[in-house]
Amino acid sequence: MNAPRIAIVGHDAARNSLGRALVLADLLDPLGEVRIFSFGDRLWPPAQGGRPVELLEAPRTTAGLPAAAGRLRAAIRNADLIVAVTPRVLSYGLAAMVRGGRPLVLDVDDLEHLFTRRRLG
């Protein structure tokens, strides 16, 4: 069996959420080919010069979400497994839209999301 191709999808390449994606990539490297995709036009400074990150154009408004979904779909077309970093529209939301039946793993790192569920019931 071939090693799986893993796509890690982040929502903002210019912020520290990219750091989480980089850690996940290092952890998943032994399993197969890992590529990181994130939205934005620049990298978070501590990540510059390190592991490659494929930047996708971020939508400026919600009207641009369908086009962003298309860009993500094309970028991760060869992935066997998708890992979304944090439950955000540009990571988990778009990955869920374009996953096409492939497994999708949601990485939740922030404790703030634990309390959201309690407030919303």
PDB file of N, CA and C in Angstrom:
ATOM      1  N   MET A   1       0.842  -1.187   0.000  1.00  0.00           N
ATOM      2  CA  MET A   1       0.000   0.000   0.000  1.00  0.00           C
ATOM      3  C   MET A   1       0.888   1.251   0.000  1.00  0.00           C
ATOM      4  N   ASN A   2       0.517   2.231  -0.782  1.00  0.00           N
ATOM      5  CA  ASN A   2       1.270   3.476  -0.856  1.00  0.00           C
ATOM      6  C   ASN A   2       1.034   4.316   0.391  1.00  0.00           C
ATOM      7  N   ALA A   3       2.026   5.118   0.735  1.00  0.00           N
ATOM      8  CA  ALA A   3       1.890   6.034   1.861  1.00  0.00           C
ATOM      9  C   ALA A   3       0.842   7.087   1.518  1.00  0.00           C
ATOM     10  N   PRO A   4       0.007   7.470   2.482  1.00  0.00           N
ATOM     11  CA  PRO A   4      -1.031   8.460   2.193  1.00  0.00           C
ATOM     12  C   PRO A   4      -0.450   9.852   1.958  1.00  0.00           C
ATOM     13  N   ARG A   5      -1.162  10.605   1.147  1.00  0.00           N
ATOM     14  CA  ARG A   5      -0.828  12.011   0.923  1.00  0.00           C
ATOM     15  C   ARG A   5      -1.734  12.816   1.846  1.00  0.00           C
ATOM     16  N   ILE A   6      -1.127  13.619   2.684  1.00  0.00           N
ATOM     17  CA  ILE A   6      -1.852  14.346   3.724  1.00  0.00           C
ATOM     18  C   ILE A   6      -1.784  15.836   3.443  1.00  0.00           C
ATOM     19  N   ALA A   7      -2.947  16.486   3.434  1.00  0.00           N
ATOM     20  CA  ALA A   7      -3.028  17.937   3.259  1.00  0.00           C
ATOM     21  C   ALA A   7      -3.423  18.555   4.591  1.00  0.00           C
ATOM     22  N   ILE A   8      -2.600  19.454   5.081  1.00  0.00           N
ATOM     23  CA  ILE A   8      -2.937  20.217   6.280  1.00  0.00           C
ATOM     24  C   ILE A   8      -3.410  21.583   5.817  1.00  0.00           C
ATOM     25  N   VAL A   9      -4.609  21.969   6.251  1.00  0.00           N
ATOM     26  CA  VAL A   9      -5.221  23.225   5.805  1.00  0.00           C
ATOM     27  C   VAL A   9      -5.331  24.180   6.983  1.00  0.00           C
ATOM     28  N   GLY A  10      -4.668  25.330   6.860  1.00  0.00           N
ATOM     29  CA  GLY A  10      -4.737  26.372   7.878  1.00  0.00           C
ATOM     30  C   GLY A  10      -5.534  27.555   7.375  1.00  0.00           C
ATOM     31  N   HIS A  11      -5.991  28.379   8.300  1.00  0.00           N
ATOM     32  CA  HIS A  11      -6.838  29.505   7.899  1.00  0.00           C
ATOM     33  C   HIS A  11      -6.084  30.819   7.717  1.00  0.00           C
ATOM     34  N   ASP A  12      -4.874  30.950   8.269  1.00  0.00           N
ATOM     35  CA  ASP A  12      -4.157  32.217   8.164  1.00  0.00           C
ATOM     36  C   ASP A  12      -2.656  31.978   8.244  1.00  0.00           C
ATOM     37  N   ALA A  13      -1.985  32.078   7.120  1.00  0.00           N
ATOM     38  CA  ALA A  13      -0.552  31.803   7.060  1.00  0.00           C
ATOM     39  C   ALA A  13       0.286  32.852   7.774  1.00  0.00           C
ATOM     40  N   ALA A  14      -0.278  34.021   8.029  1.00  0.00           N
ATOM     41  CA  ALA A  14       0.490  35.113   8.622  1.00  0.00           C
ATOM     42  C   ALA A  14       0.434  35.132  10.148  1.00  0.00           C
ATOM     43  N   ARG A  15      -0.277  34.195  10.750  1.00  0.00           N
ATOM     44  CA  ARG A  15      -0.426  34.200  12.211  1.00  0.00           C
ATOM     45  C   ARG A  15       0.102  32.905  12.808  1.00  0.00           C
ATOM     46  N   ASN A  16       0.070  32.845  14.125  1.00  0.00           N
ATOM     47  CA  ASN A  16       0.659  31.689  14.800  1.00  0.00           C
ATOM     48  C   ASN A  16      -0.111  30.393  14.602  1.00  0.00           C
ATOM     49  N   SER A  17      -1.288  30.423  14.005  1.00  0.00           N
ATOM     50  CA  SER A  17      -1.973  29.166  13.686  1.00  0.00           C
ATOM     51  C   SER A  17      -1.138  28.355  12.695  1.00  0.00           C
ATOM     52  N   LEU A  18      -0.302  29.032  11.920  1.00  0.00           N
ATOM     53  CA  LEU A  18       0.606  28.320  11.028  1.00  0.00           C
ATOM     54  C   LEU A  18       1.598  27.487  11.835  1.00  0.00           C
ATOM     55  N   GLY A  19       1.972  27.962  13.005  1.00  0.00           N
ATOM     56  CA  GLY A  19       2.861  27.191  13.871  1.00  0.00           C
ATOM     57  C   GLY A  19       2.262  25.854  14.237  1.00  0.00           C
ATOM     58  N   ARG A  20       0.964  25.841  14.500  1.00  0.00           N
ATOM     59  CA  ARG A  20       0.270  24.586  14.807  1.00  0.00           C
ATOM     60  C   ARG A  20       0.313  23.650  13.599  1.00  0.00           C
ATOM     61  N   ALA A  21       0.096  24.185  12.418  1.00  0.00           N
ATOM     62  CA  ALA A  21       0.147  23.366  11.200  1.00  0.00           C
ATOM     63  C   ALA A  21       1.541  22.768  11.004  1.00  0.00           C
ATOM     64  N   LEU A  22       2.560  23.533  11.309  1.00  0.00           N
ATOM     65  CA  LEU A  22       3.930  23.037  11.170  1.00  0.00           C
ATOM     66  C   LEU A  22       4.215  21.899  12.151  1.00  0.00           C
ATOM     67  N   VAL A  23       3.741  22.030  13.373  1.00  0.00           N
ATOM     68  CA  VAL A  23       3.912  20.960  14.363  1.00  0.00           C
ATOM     69  C   VAL A  23       3.184  19.697  13.903  1.00  0.00           C
ATOM     70  N   LEU A  24       1.958  19.863  13.428  1.00  0.00           N
ATOM     71  CA  LEU A  24       1.201  18.705  12.938  1.00  0.00           C
ATOM     72  C   LEU A  24       1.916  18.045  11.757  1.00  0.00           C
ATOM     73  N   ALA A  25       2.477  18.849  10.876  1.00  0.00           N
ATOM     74  CA  ALA A  25       3.199  18.290   9.730  1.00  0.00           C
ATOM     75  C   ALA A  25       4.380  17.446  10.204  1.00  0.00           C
ATOM     76  N   ASP A  26       5.114  17.947  11.177  1.00  0.00           N
ATOM     77  CA  ASP A  26       6.246  17.177  11.705  1.00  0.00           C
ATOM     78  C   ASP A  26       5.781  15.861  12.320  1.00  0.00           C
ATOM     79  N   LEU A  27       4.649  15.893  13.014  1.00  0.00           N
ATOM     80  CA  LEU A  27       4.116  14.679  13.634  1.00  0.00           C
ATOM     81  C   LEU A  27       3.620  13.675  12.597  1.00  0.00           C
ATOM     82  N   LEU A  28       3.067  14.182  11.497  1.00  0.00           N
ATOM     83  CA  LEU A  28       2.478  13.303  10.477  1.00  0.00           C
ATOM     84  C   LEU A  28       3.477  12.841   9.417  1.00  0.00           C
ATOM     85  N   ASP A  29       4.651  13.441   9.363  1.00  0.00           N
ATOM     86  CA  ASP A  29       5.657  13.072   8.363  1.00  0.00           C
ATOM     87  C   ASP A  29       5.928  11.568   8.274  1.00  0.00           C
ATOM     88  N   PRO A  30       6.018  10.844   9.389  1.00  0.00           N
ATOM     89  CA  PRO A  30       6.304   9.408   9.270  1.00  0.00           C
ATOM     90  C   PRO A  30       5.199   8.603   8.565  1.00  0.00           C
ATOM     91  N   LEU A  31       4.007   9.191   8.468  1.00  0.00           N
ATOM     92  CA  LEU A  31       2.880   8.465   7.877  1.00  0.00           C
ATOM     93  C   LEU A  31       2.808   8.569   6.361  1.00  0.00           C
ATOM     94  N   GLY A  32       3.368   9.637   5.804  1.00  0.00           N
ATOM     95  CA  GLY A  32       3.269   9.816   4.359  1.00  0.00           C
ATOM     96  C   GLY A  32       3.747  11.184   3.925  1.00  0.00           C
ATOM     97  N   GLU A  33       3.354  11.565   2.717  1.00  0.00           N
ATOM     98  CA  GLU A  33       3.718  12.867   2.156  1.00  0.00           C
ATOM     99  C   GLU A  33       2.794  13.933   2.734  1.00  0.00           C
ATOM    100  N   VAL A  34       3.359  14.916   3.402  1.00  0.00           N
ATOM    101  CA  VAL A  34       2.581  15.962   4.061  1.00  0.00           C
ATOM    102  C   VAL A  34       2.839  17.297   3.377  1.00  0.00           C
ATOM    103  N   ARG A  35       1.747  17.989   3.031  1.00  0.00           N
ATOM    104  CA  ARG A  35       1.840  19.329   2.458  1.00  0.00           C
ATOM    105  C   ARG A  35       0.946  20.252   3.264  1.00  0.00           C
ATOM    106  N   ILE A  36       1.409  21.483   3.444  1.00  0.00           N
ATOM    107  CA  ILE A  36       0.652  22.487   4.196  1.00  0.00           C
ATOM    108  C   ILE A  36       0.116  23.525   3.220  1.00  0.00           C
ATOM    109  N   PHE A  37      -1.166  23.835   3.374  1.00  0.00           N
ATOM    110  CA  PHE A  37      -1.838  24.869   2.585  1.00  0.00           C
ATOM    111  C   PHE A  37      -2.440  25.865   3.571  1.00  0.00           C
ATOM    112  N   SER A  38      -2.303  27.137   3.289  1.00  0.00           N
ATOM    113  CA  SER A  38      -2.900  28.133   4.172  1.00  0.00           C
ATOM    114  C   SER A  38      -3.263  29.368   3.360  1.00  0.00           C
ATOM    115  N   PHE A  39      -4.194  30.120   3.884  1.00  0.00           N
ATOM    116  CA  PHE A  39      -4.689  31.304   3.194  1.00  0.00           C
ATOM    117  C   PHE A  39      -3.901  32.539   3.615  1.00  0.00           C
ATOM    118  N   GLY A  40      -3.607  33.380   2.649  1.00  0.00           N
ATOM    119  CA  GLY A  40      -2.898  34.627   2.906  1.00  0.00           C
ATOM    120  C   GLY A  40      -1.829  34.872   1.870  1.00  0.00           C
ATOM    121  N   ASP A  41      -1.147  36.005   2.015  1.00  0.00           N
ATOM    122  CA  ASP A  41      -0.114  36.352   1.042  1.00  0.00           C
ATOM    123  C   ASP A  41       1.271  36.473   1.666  1.00  0.00           C
ATOM    124  N   ARG A  42       1.374  36.138   2.951  1.00  0.00           N
ATOM    125  CA  ARG A  42       2.686  36.164   3.603  1.00  0.00           C
ATOM    126  C   ARG A  42       2.704  35.143   4.728  1.00  0.00           C
ATOM    127  N   LEU A  43       3.908  34.742   5.095  1.00  0.00           N
ATOM    128  CA  LEU A  43       4.075  33.749   6.149  1.00  0.00           C
ATOM    129  C   LEU A  43       4.317  34.401   7.499  1.00  0.00           C
ATOM    130  N   TRP A  44       3.870  33.740   8.521  1.00  0.00           N
ATOM    131  CA  TRP A  44       4.162  34.110   9.895  1.00  0.00           C
ATOM    132  C   TRP A  44       5.686  34.163  10.039  1.00  0.00           C
ATOM    133  N   PRO A  45       6.245  35.257  10.551  1.00  0.00           N
ATOM    134  CA  PRO A  45       7.706  35.423  10.564  1.00  0.00           C
ATOM    135  C   PRO A  45       8.506  34.237  11.117  1.00  0.00           C
ATOM    136  N   PRO A  46       8.111  33.590  12.218  1.00  0.00           N
ATOM    137  CA  PRO A  46       8.922  32.456  12.679  1.00  0.00           C
ATOM    138  C   PRO A  46       8.947  31.269  11.707  1.00  0.00           C
ATOM    139  N   ALA A  47       8.021  31.214  10.767  1.00  0.00           N
ATOM    140  CA  ALA A  47       7.962  30.096   9.816  1.00  0.00           C
ATOM    141  C   ALA A  47       8.724  30.376   8.523  1.00  0.00           C
ATOM    142  N   GLN A  48       9.166  31.600   8.340  1.00  0.00           N
ATOM    143  CA  GLN A  48       9.855  31.960   7.099  1.00  0.00           C
ATOM    144  C   GLN A  48      11.191  31.228   6.998  1.00  0.00           C
ATOM    145  N   GLY A  49      11.455  30.689   5.830  1.00  0.00           N
ATOM    146  CA  GLY A  49      12.700  29.984   5.588  1.00  0.00           C
ATOM    147  C   GLY A  49      12.680  28.532   6.040  1.00  0.00           C
ATOM    148  N   GLY A  50      11.551  28.071   6.525  1.00  0.00           N
ATOM    149  CA  GLY A  50      11.441  26.692   6.986  1.00  0.00           C
ATOM    150  C   GLY A  50      10.702  25.828   5.988  1.00  0.00           C
ATOM    151  N   ARG A  51       9.880  24.967   6.505  1.00  0.00           N
ATOM    152  CA  ARG A  51       9.098  24.025   5.699  1.00  0.00           C
ATOM    153  C   ARG A  51       8.229  24.779   4.686  1.00  0.00           C
ATOM    154  N   PRO A  52       8.106  24.265   3.468  1.00  0.00           N
ATOM    155  CA  PRO A  52       7.269  24.946   2.469  1.00  0.00           C
ATOM    156  C   PRO A  52       5.787  24.987   2.877  1.00  0.00           C
ATOM    157  N   VAL A  53       5.181  26.129   2.625  1.00  0.00           N
ATOM    158  CA  VAL A  53       3.750  26.322   2.851  1.00  0.00           C
ATOM    159  C   VAL A  53       3.185  26.878   1.551  1.00  0.00           C
ATOM    160  N   GLU A  54       2.159  26.235   1.046  1.00  0.00           N
ATOM    161  CA  GLU A  54       1.539  26.697  -0.187  1.00  0.00           C
ATOM    162  C   GLU A  54       0.442  27.700   0.158  1.00  0.00           C
ATOM    163  N   LEU A  55       0.644  28.931  -0.277  1.00  0.00           N
ATOM    164  CA  LEU A  55      -0.289  30.009   0.043  1.00  0.00           C
ATOM    165  C   LEU A  55      -1.426  30.056  -0.960  1.00  0.00           C
ATOM    166  N   LEU A  56      -2.630  30.200  -0.425  1.00  0.00           N
ATOM    167  CA  LEU A  56      -3.830  30.342  -1.247  1.00  0.00           C
ATOM    168  C   LEU A  56      -4.401  31.737  -1.011  1.00  0.00           C
ATOM    169  N   GLU A  57      -4.914  32.333  -2.058  1.00  0.00           N
ATOM    170  CA  GLU A  57      -5.499  33.667  -1.928  1.00  0.00           C
ATOM    171  C   GLU A  57      -6.717  33.614  -1.024  1.00  0.00           C
ATOM    172  N   ALA A  58      -6.720  34.464  -0.011  1.00  0.00           N
ATOM    173  CA  ALA A  58      -7.841  34.521   0.923  1.00  0.00           C
ATOM    174  C   ALA A  58      -8.953  35.398   0.351  1.00  0.00           C
ATOM    175  N   PRO A  59     -10.206  35.026   0.602  1.00  0.00           N
ATOM    176  CA  PRO A  59     -11.308  35.878   0.137  1.00  0.00           C
ATOM    177  C   PRO A  59     -11.365  37.159   0.960  1.00  0.00           C
ATOM    178  N   ARG A  60     -11.766  38.233   0.332  1.00  0.00           N
ATOM    179  CA  ARG A  60     -11.882  39.513   1.041  1.00  0.00           C
ATOM    180  C   ARG A  60     -13.226  39.649   1.747  1.00  0.00           C
ATOM    181  N   THR A  61     -14.232  38.954   1.228  1.00  0.00           N
ATOM    182  CA  THR A  61     -15.569  38.991   1.830  1.00  0.00           C
ATOM    183  C   THR A  61     -16.156  37.582   1.766  1.00  0.00           C
ATOM    184  N   THR A  62     -17.306  37.395   2.387  1.00  0.00           N
ATOM    185  CA  THR A  62     -17.958  36.083   2.328  1.00  0.00           C
ATOM    186  C   THR A  62     -18.380  35.738   0.905  1.00  0.00           C
ATOM    187  N   ALA A  63     -18.588  36.729   0.069  1.00  0.00           N
ATOM    188  CA  ALA A  63     -18.939  36.466  -1.328  1.00  0.00           C
ATOM    189  C   ALA A  63     -17.790  35.761  -2.061  1.00  0.00           C
ATOM    190  N   GLY A  64     -16.583  35.880  -1.547  1.00  0.00           N
ATOM    191  CA  GLY A  64     -15.437  35.242  -2.163  1.00  0.00           C
ATOM    192  C   GLY A  64     -15.186  33.815  -1.686  1.00  0.00           C
ATOM    193  N   LEU A  65     -16.009  33.323  -0.766  1.00  0.00           N
ATOM    194  CA  LEU A  65     -15.808  31.965  -0.254  1.00  0.00           C
ATOM    195  C   LEU A  65     -15.931  30.875  -1.315  1.00  0.00           C
ATOM    196  N   PRO A  66     -16.889  30.937  -2.240  1.00  0.00           N
ATOM    197  CA  PRO A  66     -16.941  29.891  -3.273  1.00  0.00           C
ATOM    198  C   PRO A  66     -15.666  29.816  -4.115  1.00  0.00           C
ATOM    199  N   ALA A  67     -15.099  30.953  -4.465  1.00  0.00           N
ATOM    200  CA  ALA A  67     -13.847  30.945  -5.234  1.00  0.00           C
ATOM    201  C   ALA A  67     -12.706  30.382  -4.393  1.00  0.00           C
ATOM    202  N   ALA A  68     -12.676  30.726  -3.103  1.00  0.00           N
ATOM    203  CA  ALA A  68     -11.644  30.190  -2.209  1.00  0.00           C
ATOM    204  C   ALA A  68     -11.792  28.678  -2.080  1.00  0.00           C
ATOM    205  N   ALA A  69     -13.025  28.199  -2.039  1.00  0.00           N
ATOM    206  CA  ALA A  69     -13.261  26.750  -1.981  1.00  0.00           C
ATOM    207  C   ALA A  69     -12.727  26.084  -3.239  1.00  0.00           C
ATOM    208  N   GLY A  70     -12.913  26.720  -4.383  1.00  0.00           N
ATOM    209  CA  GLY A  70     -12.392  26.181  -5.633  1.00  0.00           C
ATOM    210  C   GLY A  70     -10.873  26.122  -5.636  1.00  0.00           C
ATOM    211  N   ARG A  71     -10.230  27.159  -5.114  1.00  0.00           N
ATOM    212  CA  ARG A  71      -8.767  27.164  -5.028  1.00  0.00           C
ATOM    213  C   ARG A  71      -8.280  26.053  -4.106  1.00  0.00           C
ATOM    214  N   LEU A  72      -8.958  25.878  -2.984  1.00  0.00           N
ATOM    215  CA  LEU A  72      -8.570  24.821  -2.059  1.00  0.00           C
ATOM    216  C   LEU A  72      -8.806  23.446  -2.679  1.00  0.00           C
ATOM    217  N   ARG A  73      -9.936  23.265  -3.328  1.00  0.00           N
ATOM    218  CA  ARG A  73     -10.241  21.978  -3.975  1.00  0.00           C
ATOM    219  C   ARG A  73      -9.132  21.601  -4.956  1.00  0.00           C
ATOM    220  N   ALA A  74      -8.711  22.561  -5.771  1.00  0.00           N
ATOM    221  CA  ALA A  74      -7.650  22.286  -6.749  1.00  0.00           C
ATOM    222  C   ALA A  74      -6.320  21.985  -6.056  1.00  0.00           C
ATOM    223  N   ALA A  75      -6.018  22.705  -4.994  1.00  0.00           N
ATOM    224  CA  ALA A  75      -4.737  22.534  -4.311  1.00  0.00           C
ATOM    225  C   ALA A  75      -4.617  21.175  -3.629  1.00  0.00           C
ATOM    226  N   ILE A  76      -5.706  20.676  -3.061  1.00  0.00           N
ATOM    227  CA  ILE A  76      -5.638  19.424  -2.289  1.00  0.00           C
ATOM    228  C   ILE A  76      -6.209  18.236  -3.062  1.00  0.00           C
ATOM    229  N   ARG A  77      -6.340  18.370  -4.353  1.00  0.00           N
ATOM    230  CA  ARG A  77      -6.995  17.335  -5.167  1.00  0.00           C
ATOM    231  C   ARG A  77      -6.355  15.957  -5.032  1.00  0.00           C
ATOM    232  N   ASN A  78      -5.057  15.874  -4.761  1.00  0.00           N
ATOM    233  CA  ASN A  78      -4.382  14.582  -4.668  1.00  0.00           C
ATOM    234  C   ASN A  78      -4.282  14.040  -3.246  1.00  0.00           C
ATOM    235  N   ALA A  79      -4.809  14.754  -2.278  1.00  0.00           N
ATOM    236  CA  ALA A  79      -4.688  14.323  -0.877  1.00  0.00           C
ATOM    237  C   ALA A  79      -5.614  13.144  -0.582  1.00  0.00           C
ATOM    238  N   ASP A  80      -5.105  12.235   0.235  1.00  0.00           N
ATOM    239  CA  ASP A  80      -5.917  11.107   0.703  1.00  0.00           C
ATOM    240  C   ASP A  80      -6.568  11.407   2.046  1.00  0.00           C
ATOM    241  N   LEU A  81      -5.963  12.306   2.806  1.00  0.00           N
ATOM    242  CA  LEU A  81      -6.433  12.693   4.136  1.00  0.00           C
ATOM    243  C   LEU A  81      -6.272  14.194   4.271  1.00  0.00           C
ATOM    244  N   ILE A  82      -7.273  14.848   4.860  1.00  0.00           N
ATOM    245  CA  ILE A  82      -7.232  16.292   5.059  1.00  0.00           C
ATOM    246  C   ILE A  82      -7.273  16.559   6.557  1.00  0.00           C
ATOM    247  N   VAL A  83      -6.371  17.420   7.020  1.00  0.00           N
ATOM    248  CA  VAL A  83      -6.342  17.830   8.417  1.00  0.00           C
ATOM    249  C   VAL A  83      -6.581  19.337   8.441  1.00  0.00           C
ATOM    250  N   ALA A  84      -7.643  19.771   9.108  1.00  0.00           N
ATOM    251  CA  ALA A  84      -7.957  21.191   9.216  1.00  0.00           C
ATOM    252  C   ALA A  84      -7.507  21.690  10.585  1.00  0.00           C
ATOM    253  N   VAL A  85      -6.760  22.795  10.574  1.00  0.00           N
ATOM    254  CA  VAL A  85      -6.245  23.375  11.807  1.00  0.00           C
ATOM    255  C   VAL A  85      -7.230  24.423  12.301  1.00  0.00           C
ATOM    256  N   THR A  86      -7.841  24.160  13.408  1.00  0.00           N
ATOM    257  CA  THR A  86      -8.848  24.975  14.107  1.00  0.00           C
ATOM    258  C   THR A  86     -10.184  25.021  13.358  1.00  0.00           C
ATOM    259  N   PRO A  87     -11.261  25.115  14.087  1.00  0.00           N
ATOM    260  CA  PRO A  87     -12.593  25.158  13.462  1.00  0.00           C
ATOM    261  C   PRO A  87     -12.929  26.555  12.940  1.00  0.00           C
ATOM    262  N   ARG A  88     -12.318  26.933  11.845  1.00  0.00           N
ATOM    263  CA  ARG A  88     -12.556  28.220  11.209  1.00  0.00           C
ATOM    264  C   ARG A  88     -13.121  28.000   9.816  1.00  0.00           C
ATOM    265  N   VAL A  89     -13.750  29.024   9.280  1.00  0.00           N
ATOM    266  CA  VAL A  89     -14.349  28.913   7.948  1.00  0.00           C
ATOM    267  C   VAL A  89     -13.296  28.582   6.897  1.00  0.00           C
ATOM    268  N   LEU A  90     -12.124  29.236   6.959  1.00  0.00           N
ATOM    269  CA  LEU A  90     -11.113  29.028   5.927  1.00  0.00           C
ATOM    270  C   LEU A  90     -10.286  27.765   6.130  1.00  0.00           C
ATOM    271  N   SER A  91     -10.471  27.062   7.206  1.00  0.00           N
ATOM    272  CA  SER A  91      -9.765  25.784   7.365  1.00  0.00           C
ATOM    273  C   SER A  91     -10.797  24.662   7.354  1.00  0.00           C
ATOM    274  N   TYR A  92     -11.447  24.458   8.453  1.00  0.00           N
ATOM    275  CA  TYR A  92     -12.399  23.351   8.560  1.00  0.00           C
ATOM    276  C   TYR A  92     -13.619  23.539   7.651  1.00  0.00           C
ATOM    277  N   GLY A  93     -14.152  24.753   7.586  1.00  0.00           N
ATOM    278  CA  GLY A  93     -15.351  24.997   6.779  1.00  0.00           C
ATOM    279  C   GLY A  93     -15.150  24.677   5.310  1.00  0.00           C
ATOM    280  N   LEU A  94     -14.106  25.245   4.720  1.00  0.00           N
ATOM    281  CA  LEU A  94     -13.859  24.988   3.301  1.00  0.00           C
ATOM    282  C   LEU A  94     -13.396  23.565   3.056  1.00  0.00           C
ATOM    283  N   ALA A  95     -12.597  23.017   3.971  1.00  0.00           N
ATOM    284  CA  ALA A  95     -12.149  21.632   3.803  1.00  0.00           C
ATOM    285  C   ALA A  95     -13.343  20.685   3.824  1.00  0.00           C
ATOM    286  N   ALA A  96     -14.322  20.950   4.690  1.00  0.00           N
ATOM    287  CA  ALA A  96     -15.523  20.115   4.738  1.00  0.00           C
ATOM    288  C   ALA A  96     -16.302  20.223   3.433  1.00  0.00           C
ATOM    289  N   MET A  97     -16.314  21.414   2.837  1.00  0.00           N
ATOM    290  CA  MET A  97     -17.032  21.613   1.581  1.00  0.00           C
ATOM    291  C   MET A  97     -16.397  20.853   0.422  1.00  0.00           C
ATOM    292  N   VAL A  98     -15.069  20.758   0.404  1.00  0.00           N
ATOM    293  CA  VAL A  98     -14.384  20.220  -0.773  1.00  0.00           C
ATOM    294  C   VAL A  98     -13.759  18.842  -0.547  1.00  0.00           C
ATOM    295  N   ARG A  99     -14.040  18.231   0.571  1.00  0.00           N
ATOM    296  CA  ARG A  99     -13.344  16.983   0.911  1.00  0.00           C
ATOM    297  C   ARG A  99     -13.685  15.825  -0.011  1.00  0.00           C
ATOM    298  N   GLY A 100     -14.850  15.824  -0.610  1.00  0.00           N
ATOM    299  CA  GLY A 100     -15.196  14.790  -1.579  1.00  0.00           C
ATOM    300  C   GLY A 100     -15.157  13.381  -1.027  1.00  0.00           C
ATOM    301  N   GLY A 101     -15.607  13.177   0.184  1.00  0.00           N
ATOM    302  CA  GLY A 101     -15.653  11.852   0.778  1.00  0.00           C
ATOM    303  C   GLY A 101     -14.348  11.391   1.419  1.00  0.00           C
ATOM    304  N   ARG A 102     -13.299  12.193   1.296  1.00  0.00           N
ATOM    305  CA  ARG A 102     -12.029  11.833   1.938  1.00  0.00           C
ATOM    306  C   ARG A 102     -12.112  12.089   3.432  1.00  0.00           C
ATOM    307  N   PRO A 103     -11.363  11.353   4.232  1.00  0.00           N
ATOM    308  CA  PRO A 103     -11.362  11.606   5.677  1.00  0.00           C
ATOM    309  C   PRO A 103     -10.898  13.022   5.979  1.00  0.00           C
ATOM    310  N   LEU A 104     -11.569  13.651   6.939  1.00  0.00           N
ATOM    311  CA  LEU A 104     -11.247  15.004   7.376  1.00  0.00           C
ATOM    312  C   LEU A 104     -11.083  14.987   8.884  1.00  0.00           C
ATOM    313  N   VAL A 105      -9.921  15.400   9.351  1.00  0.00           N
ATOM    314  CA  VAL A 105      -9.621  15.466  10.777  1.00  0.00           C
ATOM    315  C   VAL A 105      -9.578  16.927  11.179  1.00  0.00           C
ATOM    316  N   LEU A 106     -10.254  17.259  12.260  1.00  0.00           N
ATOM    317  CA  LEU A 106     -10.244  18.622  12.784  1.00  0.00           C
ATOM    318  C   LEU A 106      -9.337  18.665  14.001  1.00  0.00           C
ATOM    319  N   ASP A 107      -8.339  19.524  13.958  1.00  0.00           N
ATOM    320  CA  ASP A 107      -7.442  19.725  15.084  1.00  0.00           C
ATOM    321  C   ASP A 107      -7.918  20.948  15.857  1.00  0.00           C
ATOM    322  N   VAL A 108      -8.342  20.731  17.101  1.00  0.00           N
ATOM    323  CA  VAL A 108      -8.781  21.828  17.960  1.00  0.00           C
ATOM    324  C   VAL A 108      -7.743  21.983  19.055  1.00  0.00           C
ATOM    325  N   ASP A 109      -7.084  23.122  19.054  1.00  0.00           N
ATOM    326  CA  ASP A 109      -6.011  23.364  20.009  1.00  0.00           C
ATOM    327  C   ASP A 109      -6.420  24.357  21.087  1.00  0.00           C
ATOM    328  N   ASP A 110      -7.333  25.243  20.780  1.00  0.00           N
ATOM    329  CA  ASP A 110      -7.661  26.341  21.685  1.00  0.00           C
ATOM    330  C   ASP A 110      -8.739  25.965  22.688  1.00  0.00           C
ATOM    331  N   LEU A 111      -8.468  26.228  23.947  1.00  0.00           N
ATOM    332  CA  LEU A 111      -9.465  25.954  24.986  1.00  0.00           C
ATOM    333  C   LEU A 111     -10.702  26.831  24.851  1.00  0.00           C
ATOM    334  N   GLU A 112     -10.580  27.973  24.167  1.00  0.00           N
ATOM    335  CA  GLU A 112     -11.735  28.856  24.013  1.00  0.00           C
ATOM    336  C   GLU A 112     -12.896  28.130  23.331  1.00  0.00           C
ATOM    337  N   HIS A 113     -12.605  27.162  22.485  1.00  0.00           N
ATOM    338  CA  HIS A 113     -13.660  26.435  21.795  1.00  0.00           C
ATOM    339  C   HIS A 113     -14.400  25.490  22.729  1.00  0.00           C
ATOM    340  N   LEU A 114     -13.738  25.056  23.782  1.00  0.00           N
ATOM    341  CA  LEU A 114     -14.394  24.219  24.776  1.00  0.00           C
ATOM    342  C   LEU A 114     -15.548  24.980  25.422  1.00  0.00           C
ATOM    343  N   PHE A 115     -15.337  26.249  25.713  1.00  0.00           N
ATOM    344  CA  PHE A 115     -16.350  27.043  26.386  1.00  0.00           C
ATOM    345  C   PHE A 115     -17.456  27.497  25.446  1.00  0.00           C
ATOM    346  N   THR A 116     -17.181  27.584  24.152  1.00  0.00           N
ATOM    347  CA  THR A 116     -18.215  27.949  23.186  1.00  0.00           C
ATOM    348  C   THR A 116     -19.339  26.928  23.212  1.00  0.00           C
ATOM    349  N   ARG A 117     -19.002  25.676  23.253  1.00  0.00           N
ATOM    350  CA  ARG A 117     -20.024  24.639  23.257  1.00  0.00           C
ATOM    351  C   ARG A 117     -20.922  24.752  24.492  1.00  0.00           C
ATOM    352  N   ARG A 118     -20.322  25.050  25.625  1.00  0.00           N
ATOM    353  CA  ARG A 118     -21.106  25.191  26.850  1.00  0.00           C
ATOM    354  C   ARG A 118     -22.101  26.343  26.731  1.00  0.00           C
ATOM    355  N   ARG A 119     -21.661  27.473  26.174  1.00  0.00           N
ATOM    356  CA  ARG A 119     -22.545  28.646  26.037  1.00  0.00           C
ATOM    357  C   ARG A 119     -23.676  28.351  25.051  1.00  0.00           C
ATOM    358  N   LEU A 120     -23.381  27.642  23.979  1.00  0.00           N
ATOM    359  CA  LEU A 120     -24.386  27.411  22.949  1.00  0.00           C
ATOM    360  C   LEU A 120     -25.283  26.205  23.238  1.00  0.00           C
ATOM    361  N   GLY A 121     -24.838  25.373  24.161  1.00  0.00           N
ATOM    362  CA  GLY A 121     -25.671  24.220  24.545  1.00  0.00           C
ATOM    363  C   GLY A 121     -25.523  23.052  23.707  1.00  0.00           C
TER     364      GLY A 121
END
